[in-house]
């Protein structure tokens, strides 16, 4: 490794640009759309005390969550009328508390999945795959020199 500063790791993949690895393209999605458990938790907070929820019905949970948001938007729009100012303040407070609960649930979800995500990305960066094509009738012996950069012992499997 050179210390002249000409070569630096600028972030991203640790692989060189000439590598034959496929690039992973991921489009951003809402967390509630990706994880049905998170969507059910967000919906459960929206309707506390209404009974148990079916976690397997992700589309139904998403639909209910959207209906709750639409209801709160309509309450806010109705708050512009002079006669409903007290109701509007209560509706805004309930919407704020709901948003705070949702943010707490999302923060807990991120903390829960952070270690797994970091581990999988690091594994992609340090894992090397070799494909060997064997032919019938020929026996060849080969040797790979494997170096372990870690202090712990790792098992290598050749299939």
N, C-alpha and C. Protein backbone atom coordinates (compact mmCIF):
# COMPACT_ATOMS: atom_id res chain seq x y z
N UNK A 1 0.86 -1.18 0.00
CA UNK A 1 0.00 0.00 0.00
C UNK A 1 0.89 1.22 0.00
N UNK A 2 0.56 2.13 -0.85
CA UNK A 2 1.35 3.35 -0.99
C UNK A 2 0.90 4.38 0.03
N UNK A 3 1.85 5.13 0.57
CA UNK A 3 1.53 6.18 1.53
C UNK A 3 1.57 7.56 0.90
N UNK A 4 1.68 7.65 -0.41
CA UNK A 4 1.79 8.96 -1.05
C UNK A 4 0.45 9.68 -1.19
N UNK A 5 -0.65 9.03 -0.85
CA UNK A 5 -1.97 9.67 -0.89
C UNK A 5 -2.61 9.63 -2.26
N UNK A 6 -1.95 9.04 -3.26
CA UNK A 6 -2.52 9.00 -4.60
C UNK A 6 -3.65 7.99 -4.70
N UNK A 7 -3.59 6.95 -3.89
CA UNK A 7 -4.61 5.91 -3.94
C UNK A 7 -5.37 5.90 -2.62
N UNK A 8 -6.66 6.24 -2.67
CA UNK A 8 -7.50 6.27 -1.47
C UNK A 8 -8.78 5.51 -1.72
N UNK A 9 -9.34 4.99 -0.65
CA UNK A 9 -10.65 4.35 -0.74
C UNK A 9 -11.70 5.44 -0.58
N UNK A 10 -12.45 5.69 -1.65
CA UNK A 10 -13.42 6.78 -1.64
C UNK A 10 -14.81 6.33 -1.22
N UNK A 11 -14.94 5.12 -0.75
CA UNK A 11 -16.24 4.62 -0.32
C UNK A 11 -16.86 3.74 -1.39
N UNK A 12 -17.95 3.11 -1.05
CA UNK A 12 -18.62 2.23 -2.00
C UNK A 12 -18.02 0.84 -1.99
N UNK A 13 -17.96 0.22 -3.12
CA UNK A 13 -17.48 -1.15 -3.23
C UNK A 13 -15.97 -1.21 -3.10
N UNK A 14 -15.49 -2.29 -2.53
CA UNK A 14 -14.05 -2.49 -2.41
C UNK A 14 -13.48 -3.16 -3.66
N UNK A 15 -14.31 -3.51 -4.60
CA UNK A 15 -13.87 -4.17 -5.82
C UNK A 15 -13.41 -3.15 -6.84
N UNK A 16 -12.51 -3.56 -7.71
CA UNK A 16 -12.03 -2.66 -8.75
C UNK A 16 -13.07 -2.55 -9.85
N UNK A 17 -12.96 -1.51 -10.66
CA UNK A 17 -13.95 -1.29 -11.72
C UNK A 17 -13.87 -2.34 -12.81
N UNK A 18 -12.75 -3.02 -12.97
CA UNK A 18 -12.59 -4.04 -13.99
C UNK A 18 -13.06 -5.41 -13.54
N UNK A 19 -13.61 -5.50 -12.36
CA UNK A 19 -14.05 -6.77 -11.81
C UNK A 19 -15.26 -7.30 -12.56
N UNK A 20 -15.40 -8.62 -12.55
CA UNK A 20 -16.51 -9.23 -13.29
C UNK A 20 -17.76 -9.41 -12.44
N UNK A 21 -17.79 -8.85 -11.25
CA UNK A 21 -18.98 -8.96 -10.38
C UNK A 21 -20.12 -8.14 -10.93
N UNK A 22 -21.33 -8.67 -10.71
CA UNK A 22 -22.52 -7.92 -11.11
C UNK A 22 -22.76 -6.78 -10.14
N UNK A 23 -23.28 -5.69 -10.68
CA UNK A 23 -23.60 -4.55 -9.82
C UNK A 23 -25.00 -4.73 -9.28
N UNK A 24 -25.17 -4.39 -8.03
CA UNK A 24 -26.48 -4.50 -7.38
C UNK A 24 -27.15 -3.14 -7.43
N UNK A 25 -28.29 -3.07 -8.09
CA UNK A 25 -29.05 -1.83 -8.18
C UNK A 25 -30.30 -1.99 -7.32
N UNK A 26 -30.47 -1.08 -6.40
CA UNK A 26 -31.60 -1.15 -5.49
C UNK A 26 -32.33 0.18 -5.52
N UNK A 27 -33.64 0.13 -5.65
CA UNK A 27 -34.44 1.34 -5.65
C UNK A 27 -35.04 1.53 -4.26
N UNK A 28 -35.08 2.77 -3.81
CA UNK A 28 -35.59 3.07 -2.48
C UNK A 28 -37.08 2.74 -2.38
N UNK A 29 -37.46 2.16 -1.25
CA UNK A 29 -38.85 1.82 -0.99
C UNK A 29 -39.20 2.24 0.42
N UNK A 30 -40.48 2.43 0.69
CA UNK A 30 -40.92 2.75 2.04
C UNK A 30 -40.69 1.54 2.93
N UNK A 31 -40.24 1.79 4.16
CA UNK A 31 -39.97 0.69 5.08
C UNK A 31 -41.22 -0.14 5.35
N UNK A 32 -42.36 0.51 5.46
CA UNK A 32 -43.60 -0.22 5.73
C UNK A 32 -43.99 -1.12 4.56
N UNK A 33 -43.61 -0.76 3.34
CA UNK A 33 -43.91 -1.60 2.18
C UNK A 33 -42.98 -2.80 2.10
N UNK A 34 -41.77 -2.66 2.64
CA UNK A 34 -40.77 -3.73 2.56
C UNK A 34 -41.00 -4.78 3.64
N UNK A 35 -41.30 -4.35 4.84
CA UNK A 35 -41.41 -5.26 5.98
C UNK A 35 -42.85 -5.30 6.48
N UNK A 36 -43.50 -6.44 6.34
CA UNK A 36 -44.90 -6.57 6.76
C UNK A 36 -45.04 -6.45 8.27
N UNK A 37 -44.03 -6.90 9.01
CA UNK A 37 -44.08 -6.79 10.47
C UNK A 37 -44.08 -5.33 10.91
N UNK A 38 -43.25 -4.51 10.26
CA UNK A 38 -43.21 -3.08 10.57
C UNK A 38 -44.53 -2.41 10.20
N UNK A 39 -45.09 -2.77 9.06
CA UNK A 39 -46.37 -2.19 8.64
C UNK A 39 -47.47 -2.53 9.64
N UNK A 40 -47.46 -3.76 10.13
CA UNK A 40 -48.47 -4.16 11.12
C UNK A 40 -48.27 -3.41 12.43
N UNK A 41 -47.02 -3.18 12.83
CA UNK A 41 -46.76 -2.43 14.07
C UNK A 41 -47.21 -0.99 13.94
N UNK A 42 -46.95 -0.38 12.78
CA UNK A 42 -47.39 1.00 12.57
C UNK A 42 -48.90 1.08 12.61
N UNK A 43 -49.57 0.11 12.05
CA UNK A 43 -51.03 0.09 12.05
C UNK A 43 -51.57 -0.18 13.45
N UNK A 44 -50.91 -1.04 14.21
CA UNK A 44 -51.35 -1.36 15.56
C UNK A 44 -51.30 -0.13 16.44
N UNK A 45 -50.25 0.69 16.28
CA UNK A 45 -50.17 1.93 17.05
C UNK A 45 -51.29 2.89 16.65
N UNK A 46 -51.69 2.85 15.40
CA UNK A 46 -52.74 3.76 14.94
C UNK A 46 -54.08 3.39 15.56
N UNK A 47 -54.32 2.12 15.80
CA UNK A 47 -55.60 1.66 16.35
C UNK A 47 -55.36 0.84 17.61
N UNK A 48 -54.92 1.46 18.65
CA UNK A 48 -54.67 0.73 19.89
C UNK A 48 -55.99 0.31 20.51
N UNK A 49 -56.02 -0.94 21.01
CA UNK A 49 -57.19 -1.41 21.73
C UNK A 49 -58.30 -1.94 20.86
N UNK A 50 -58.07 -2.19 19.58
CA UNK A 50 -59.14 -2.70 18.72
C UNK A 50 -59.02 -4.20 18.49
N UNK A 51 -58.12 -4.89 19.18
CA UNK A 51 -58.02 -6.34 19.04
C UNK A 51 -56.77 -6.74 18.28
N UNK A 52 -56.54 -8.05 18.14
CA UNK A 52 -55.33 -8.54 17.49
C UNK A 52 -55.33 -8.30 15.99
N UNK A 53 -54.14 -8.21 15.45
CA UNK A 53 -53.96 -7.97 14.01
C UNK A 53 -53.41 -9.22 13.34
N UNK A 54 -53.74 -9.40 12.09
CA UNK A 54 -53.21 -10.50 11.29
C UNK A 54 -52.00 -9.97 10.53
N UNK A 55 -50.79 -10.42 10.93
CA UNK A 55 -49.56 -9.90 10.34
C UNK A 55 -49.41 -10.35 8.89
N UNK A 56 -49.98 -11.51 8.53
CA UNK A 56 -49.81 -12.04 7.19
C UNK A 56 -50.54 -11.25 6.12
N UNK A 57 -51.46 -10.39 6.50
CA UNK A 57 -52.24 -9.64 5.52
C UNK A 57 -51.62 -8.26 5.34
N UNK A 58 -50.48 -8.24 4.65
CA UNK A 58 -49.71 -7.01 4.49
C UNK A 58 -50.47 -5.96 3.70
N UNK A 59 -51.13 -6.35 2.63
CA UNK A 59 -51.84 -5.36 1.81
C UNK A 59 -53.01 -4.75 2.58
N UNK A 60 -53.67 -5.55 3.40
CA UNK A 60 -54.77 -5.04 4.22
C UNK A 60 -54.25 -4.06 5.26
N UNK A 61 -53.11 -4.37 5.86
CA UNK A 61 -52.51 -3.46 6.85
C UNK A 61 -52.09 -2.15 6.20
N UNK A 62 -51.53 -2.23 5.02
CA UNK A 62 -51.12 -1.02 4.29
C UNK A 62 -52.34 -0.19 3.93
N UNK A 63 -53.41 -0.84 3.52
CA UNK A 63 -54.64 -0.13 3.15
C UNK A 63 -55.22 0.59 4.36
N UNK A 64 -55.26 -0.09 5.50
CA UNK A 64 -55.80 0.54 6.71
C UNK A 64 -54.95 1.73 7.15
N UNK A 65 -53.63 1.58 7.03
CA UNK A 65 -52.74 2.68 7.41
C UNK A 65 -52.97 3.89 6.52
N UNK A 66 -53.16 3.66 5.24
CA UNK A 66 -53.42 4.77 4.31
C UNK A 66 -54.77 5.43 4.61
N UNK A 67 -55.77 4.61 4.96
CA UNK A 67 -57.07 5.17 5.31
C UNK A 67 -56.99 6.02 6.57
N UNK A 68 -56.19 5.59 7.55
CA UNK A 68 -56.01 6.38 8.77
C UNK A 68 -55.35 7.72 8.45
N UNK A 69 -54.37 7.71 7.57
CA UNK A 69 -53.71 8.96 7.18
C UNK A 69 -54.66 9.88 6.44
N UNK A 70 -55.48 9.31 5.55
CA UNK A 70 -56.45 10.12 4.81
C UNK A 70 -57.47 10.74 5.77
N UNK A 71 -57.87 9.97 6.77
CA UNK A 71 -58.81 10.48 7.77
C UNK A 71 -58.20 11.66 8.53
N UNK A 72 -56.92 11.55 8.89
CA UNK A 72 -56.28 12.65 9.62
C UNK A 72 -56.10 13.87 8.73
N UNK A 73 -55.86 13.67 7.43
CA UNK A 73 -55.75 14.81 6.50
C UNK A 73 -57.09 15.51 6.39
N UNK A 74 -58.15 14.74 6.30
CA UNK A 74 -59.48 15.36 6.21
C UNK A 74 -59.83 16.12 7.48
N UNK A 75 -59.42 15.59 8.63
CA UNK A 75 -59.64 16.31 9.88
C UNK A 75 -58.86 17.62 9.91
N UNK A 76 -57.66 17.62 9.37
CA UNK A 76 -56.87 18.85 9.31
C UNK A 76 -57.51 19.86 8.38
N UNK A 77 -58.01 19.40 7.23
CA UNK A 77 -58.66 20.31 6.29
C UNK A 77 -59.94 20.88 6.90
N UNK A 78 -60.67 20.07 7.63
CA UNK A 78 -61.89 20.55 8.28
C UNK A 78 -61.56 21.51 9.42
N UNK A 79 -60.34 21.48 9.90
CA UNK A 79 -59.92 22.36 10.98
C UNK A 79 -59.85 23.81 10.56
N UNK A 80 -59.86 24.11 9.28
CA UNK A 80 -59.83 25.48 8.79
C UNK A 80 -61.13 26.22 9.05
N UNK A 81 -62.21 25.49 9.28
CA UNK A 81 -63.48 26.13 9.58
C UNK A 81 -63.44 26.70 11.00
N UNK A 82 -64.13 27.79 11.24
CA UNK A 82 -64.08 28.46 12.54
C UNK A 82 -64.74 27.64 13.64
N UNK A 83 -65.79 26.91 13.34
CA UNK A 83 -66.52 26.18 14.36
C UNK A 83 -65.79 24.97 14.90
N UNK A 84 -64.79 24.48 14.21
CA UNK A 84 -64.13 23.24 14.61
C UNK A 84 -62.69 23.48 15.06
N UNK A 85 -62.41 24.63 15.58
CA UNK A 85 -61.03 24.93 15.96
C UNK A 85 -60.56 24.02 17.10
N UNK A 86 -61.42 23.75 18.08
CA UNK A 86 -61.06 22.88 19.19
C UNK A 86 -60.80 21.45 18.72
N UNK A 87 -61.64 20.95 17.83
CA UNK A 87 -61.46 19.62 17.27
C UNK A 87 -60.18 19.56 16.45
N UNK A 88 -59.87 20.65 15.75
CA UNK A 88 -58.67 20.70 14.94
C UNK A 88 -57.42 20.58 15.79
N UNK A 89 -57.40 21.27 16.92
CA UNK A 89 -56.23 21.21 17.81
C UNK A 89 -56.05 19.79 18.34
N UNK A 90 -57.14 19.15 18.73
CA UNK A 90 -57.06 17.78 19.21
C UNK A 90 -56.60 16.83 18.11
N UNK A 91 -57.10 17.05 16.90
CA UNK A 91 -56.70 16.21 15.77
C UNK A 91 -55.21 16.39 15.47
N UNK A 92 -54.73 17.64 15.51
CA UNK A 92 -53.31 17.88 15.26
C UNK A 92 -52.44 17.23 16.33
N UNK A 93 -52.88 17.30 17.58
CA UNK A 93 -52.12 16.67 18.65
C UNK A 93 -52.07 15.15 18.48
N UNK A 94 -53.20 14.57 18.10
CA UNK A 94 -53.20 13.11 17.90
C UNK A 94 -52.34 12.72 16.71
N UNK A 95 -52.35 13.54 15.66
CA UNK A 95 -51.50 13.26 14.50
C UNK A 95 -50.03 13.36 14.89
N UNK A 96 -49.68 14.37 15.69
CA UNK A 96 -48.29 14.53 16.13
C UNK A 96 -47.84 13.35 16.99
N UNK A 97 -48.69 12.94 17.92
CA UNK A 97 -48.31 11.80 18.75
C UNK A 97 -48.19 10.53 17.92
N UNK A 98 -49.06 10.39 16.92
CA UNK A 98 -48.97 9.23 16.03
C UNK A 98 -47.67 9.24 15.24
N UNK A 99 -47.27 10.42 14.75
CA UNK A 99 -46.01 10.52 14.01
C UNK A 99 -44.83 10.21 14.91
N UNK A 100 -44.87 10.68 16.16
CA UNK A 100 -43.78 10.37 17.10
C UNK A 100 -43.70 8.87 17.37
N UNK A 101 -44.84 8.22 17.55
CA UNK A 101 -44.84 6.77 17.75
C UNK A 101 -44.29 6.05 16.52
N UNK A 102 -44.71 6.49 15.33
CA UNK A 102 -44.21 5.87 14.10
C UNK A 102 -42.70 6.03 13.98
N UNK A 103 -42.19 7.22 14.31
CA UNK A 103 -40.74 7.44 14.25
C UNK A 103 -40.00 6.56 15.25
N UNK A 104 -40.57 6.35 16.42
CA UNK A 104 -39.93 5.47 17.40
C UNK A 104 -39.91 4.03 16.91
N UNK A 105 -41.00 3.58 16.30
CA UNK A 105 -41.06 2.22 15.77
C UNK A 105 -40.06 2.05 14.64
N UNK A 106 -39.96 3.04 13.75
CA UNK A 106 -39.01 2.96 12.64
C UNK A 106 -37.58 2.98 13.15
N UNK A 107 -37.29 3.79 14.17
CA UNK A 107 -35.94 3.81 14.75
C UNK A 107 -35.59 2.46 15.35
N UNK A 108 -36.53 1.83 16.03
CA UNK A 108 -36.29 0.50 16.59
C UNK A 108 -36.06 -0.52 15.48
N UNK A 109 -36.82 -0.42 14.40
CA UNK A 109 -36.64 -1.33 13.25
C UNK A 109 -35.26 -1.17 12.64
N UNK A 110 -34.82 0.08 12.47
CA UNK A 110 -33.49 0.32 11.90
C UNK A 110 -32.39 -0.23 12.79
N UNK A 111 -32.53 -0.05 14.10
CA UNK A 111 -31.53 -0.59 15.02
C UNK A 111 -31.50 -2.11 14.95
N UNK A 112 -32.67 -2.74 14.81
CA UNK A 112 -32.74 -4.19 14.76
C UNK A 112 -32.08 -4.75 13.50
N UNK A 113 -32.25 -4.06 12.38
CA UNK A 113 -31.73 -4.58 11.11
C UNK A 113 -30.35 -4.04 10.75
N UNK A 114 -29.83 -3.10 11.53
CA UNK A 114 -28.55 -2.47 11.18
C UNK A 114 -27.40 -3.48 11.15
N UNK A 115 -27.26 -4.30 12.17
CA UNK A 115 -26.15 -5.24 12.24
C UNK A 115 -26.21 -6.25 11.10
N UNK A 116 -27.40 -6.74 10.80
CA UNK A 116 -27.56 -7.71 9.71
C UNK A 116 -27.19 -7.09 8.36
N UNK A 117 -27.61 -5.86 8.12
CA UNK A 117 -27.32 -5.18 6.86
C UNK A 117 -25.83 -4.92 6.70
N UNK A 118 -25.19 -4.45 7.76
CA UNK A 118 -23.75 -4.17 7.70
C UNK A 118 -22.98 -5.46 7.47
N UNK A 119 -23.36 -6.54 8.15
CA UNK A 119 -22.68 -7.82 7.98
C UNK A 119 -22.81 -8.33 6.55
N UNK A 120 -23.99 -8.22 5.97
CA UNK A 120 -24.17 -8.72 4.60
C UNK A 120 -23.38 -7.89 3.60
N UNK A 121 -23.33 -6.57 3.78
CA UNK A 121 -22.56 -5.73 2.87
C UNK A 121 -21.06 -5.99 3.00
N UNK A 122 -20.57 -6.16 4.22
CA UNK A 122 -19.16 -6.47 4.40
C UNK A 122 -18.83 -7.85 3.84
N UNK A 123 -19.73 -8.79 3.99
CA UNK A 123 -19.52 -10.12 3.44
C UNK A 123 -19.41 -10.07 1.92
N UNK A 124 -20.24 -9.25 1.29
CA UNK A 124 -20.15 -9.09 -0.17
C UNK A 124 -18.81 -8.49 -0.58
N UNK A 125 -18.29 -7.59 0.24
CA UNK A 125 -17.05 -6.91 -0.11
C UNK A 125 -15.82 -7.79 0.07
N UNK A 126 -15.84 -8.74 1.03
CA UNK A 126 -14.63 -9.52 1.30
C UNK A 126 -14.72 -10.97 0.82
N UNK A 127 -15.83 -11.38 0.24
CA UNK A 127 -15.99 -12.76 -0.21
C UNK A 127 -15.52 -12.90 -1.65
N UNK A 128 -14.76 -13.95 -1.91
CA UNK A 128 -14.28 -14.23 -3.26
C UNK A 128 -14.82 -15.58 -3.70
N UNK A 129 -15.31 -15.65 -4.92
CA UNK A 129 -15.81 -16.91 -5.46
C UNK A 129 -14.96 -17.32 -6.64
N UNK A 130 -14.60 -18.62 -6.67
CA UNK A 130 -13.88 -19.18 -7.80
C UNK A 130 -14.72 -20.32 -8.36
N UNK A 131 -14.88 -20.36 -9.67
CA UNK A 131 -15.62 -21.44 -10.31
C UNK A 131 -14.63 -22.31 -11.07
N UNK A 132 -14.62 -23.60 -10.76
CA UNK A 132 -13.74 -24.55 -11.42
C UNK A 132 -14.59 -25.48 -12.27
N UNK A 133 -14.21 -25.65 -13.52
CA UNK A 133 -14.92 -26.55 -14.42
C UNK A 133 -14.08 -27.80 -14.61
N UNK A 134 -14.58 -28.92 -14.13
CA UNK A 134 -13.85 -30.19 -14.23
C UNK A 134 -14.23 -30.89 -15.53
N UNK A 135 -13.27 -31.61 -16.09
CA UNK A 135 -13.53 -32.39 -17.30
C UNK A 135 -13.31 -33.86 -16.97
N UNK A 136 -14.02 -34.74 -17.64
CA UNK A 136 -13.90 -36.17 -17.40
C UNK A 136 -12.61 -36.71 -17.99
N UNK A 137 -12.00 -37.65 -17.30
CA UNK A 137 -10.82 -38.32 -17.82
C UNK A 137 -9.52 -37.61 -17.52
N UNK A 138 -9.56 -36.47 -16.95
CA UNK A 138 -8.33 -35.74 -16.65
C UNK A 138 -8.29 -35.46 -15.15
N UNK A 139 -7.19 -35.80 -14.53
CA UNK A 139 -7.03 -35.52 -13.10
C UNK A 139 -5.92 -34.49 -12.95
N UNK A 140 -6.26 -33.36 -12.47
CA UNK A 140 -5.27 -32.31 -12.25
C UNK A 140 -5.29 -31.92 -10.78
N UNK A 141 -4.13 -31.64 -10.27
CA UNK A 141 -4.03 -31.20 -8.89
C UNK A 141 -3.64 -29.74 -8.88
N UNK A 142 -4.23 -29.01 -8.02
CA UNK A 142 -3.95 -27.58 -7.94
C UNK A 142 -3.89 -27.17 -6.48
N UNK A 143 -3.35 -26.01 -6.28
CA UNK A 143 -3.20 -25.52 -4.91
C UNK A 143 -3.54 -24.04 -4.88
N UNK A 144 -4.39 -23.66 -3.94
CA UNK A 144 -4.70 -22.25 -3.71
C UNK A 144 -3.99 -21.81 -2.44
N UNK A 145 -3.39 -20.66 -2.50
CA UNK A 145 -2.81 -20.08 -1.30
C UNK A 145 -3.86 -19.16 -0.70
N UNK A 146 -4.33 -19.52 0.47
CA UNK A 146 -5.36 -18.73 1.14
C UNK A 146 -4.76 -18.07 2.37
N UNK A 147 -4.99 -16.78 2.49
CA UNK A 147 -4.50 -16.05 3.65
C UNK A 147 -5.69 -15.55 4.45
N UNK A 148 -5.64 -15.72 5.73
CA UNK A 148 -6.71 -15.28 6.62
C UNK A 148 -6.31 -13.94 7.23
N UNK A 149 -7.00 -12.84 6.88
CA UNK A 149 -6.63 -11.53 7.42
C UNK A 149 -7.15 -11.29 8.84
N UNK A 150 -7.89 -12.25 9.38
CA UNK A 150 -8.50 -12.06 10.69
C UNK A 150 -7.74 -12.84 11.76
N UNK A 151 -7.98 -12.52 13.01
CA UNK A 151 -7.35 -13.21 14.13
C UNK A 151 -8.05 -14.51 14.48
N UNK A 152 -9.26 -14.70 13.99
CA UNK A 152 -10.01 -15.92 14.31
C UNK A 152 -9.89 -16.92 13.18
N UNK A 153 -10.05 -18.20 13.53
CA UNK A 153 -9.93 -19.26 12.54
C UNK A 153 -11.22 -19.35 11.73
N UNK A 154 -11.08 -19.53 10.40
CA UNK A 154 -12.23 -19.67 9.51
C UNK A 154 -12.12 -20.99 8.76
N UNK A 155 -13.25 -21.56 8.43
CA UNK A 155 -13.29 -22.81 7.68
C UNK A 155 -13.56 -22.51 6.22
N UNK A 156 -12.79 -23.14 5.35
CA UNK A 156 -12.96 -22.97 3.91
C UNK A 156 -13.50 -24.28 3.36
N UNK A 157 -14.56 -24.20 2.56
CA UNK A 157 -15.18 -25.38 1.99
C UNK A 157 -14.98 -25.39 0.49
N UNK A 158 -14.48 -26.50 -0.04
CA UNK A 158 -14.33 -26.67 -1.49
C UNK A 158 -15.35 -27.71 -1.90
N UNK A 159 -16.25 -27.31 -2.79
CA UNK A 159 -17.32 -28.22 -3.23
C UNK A 159 -17.03 -28.73 -4.61
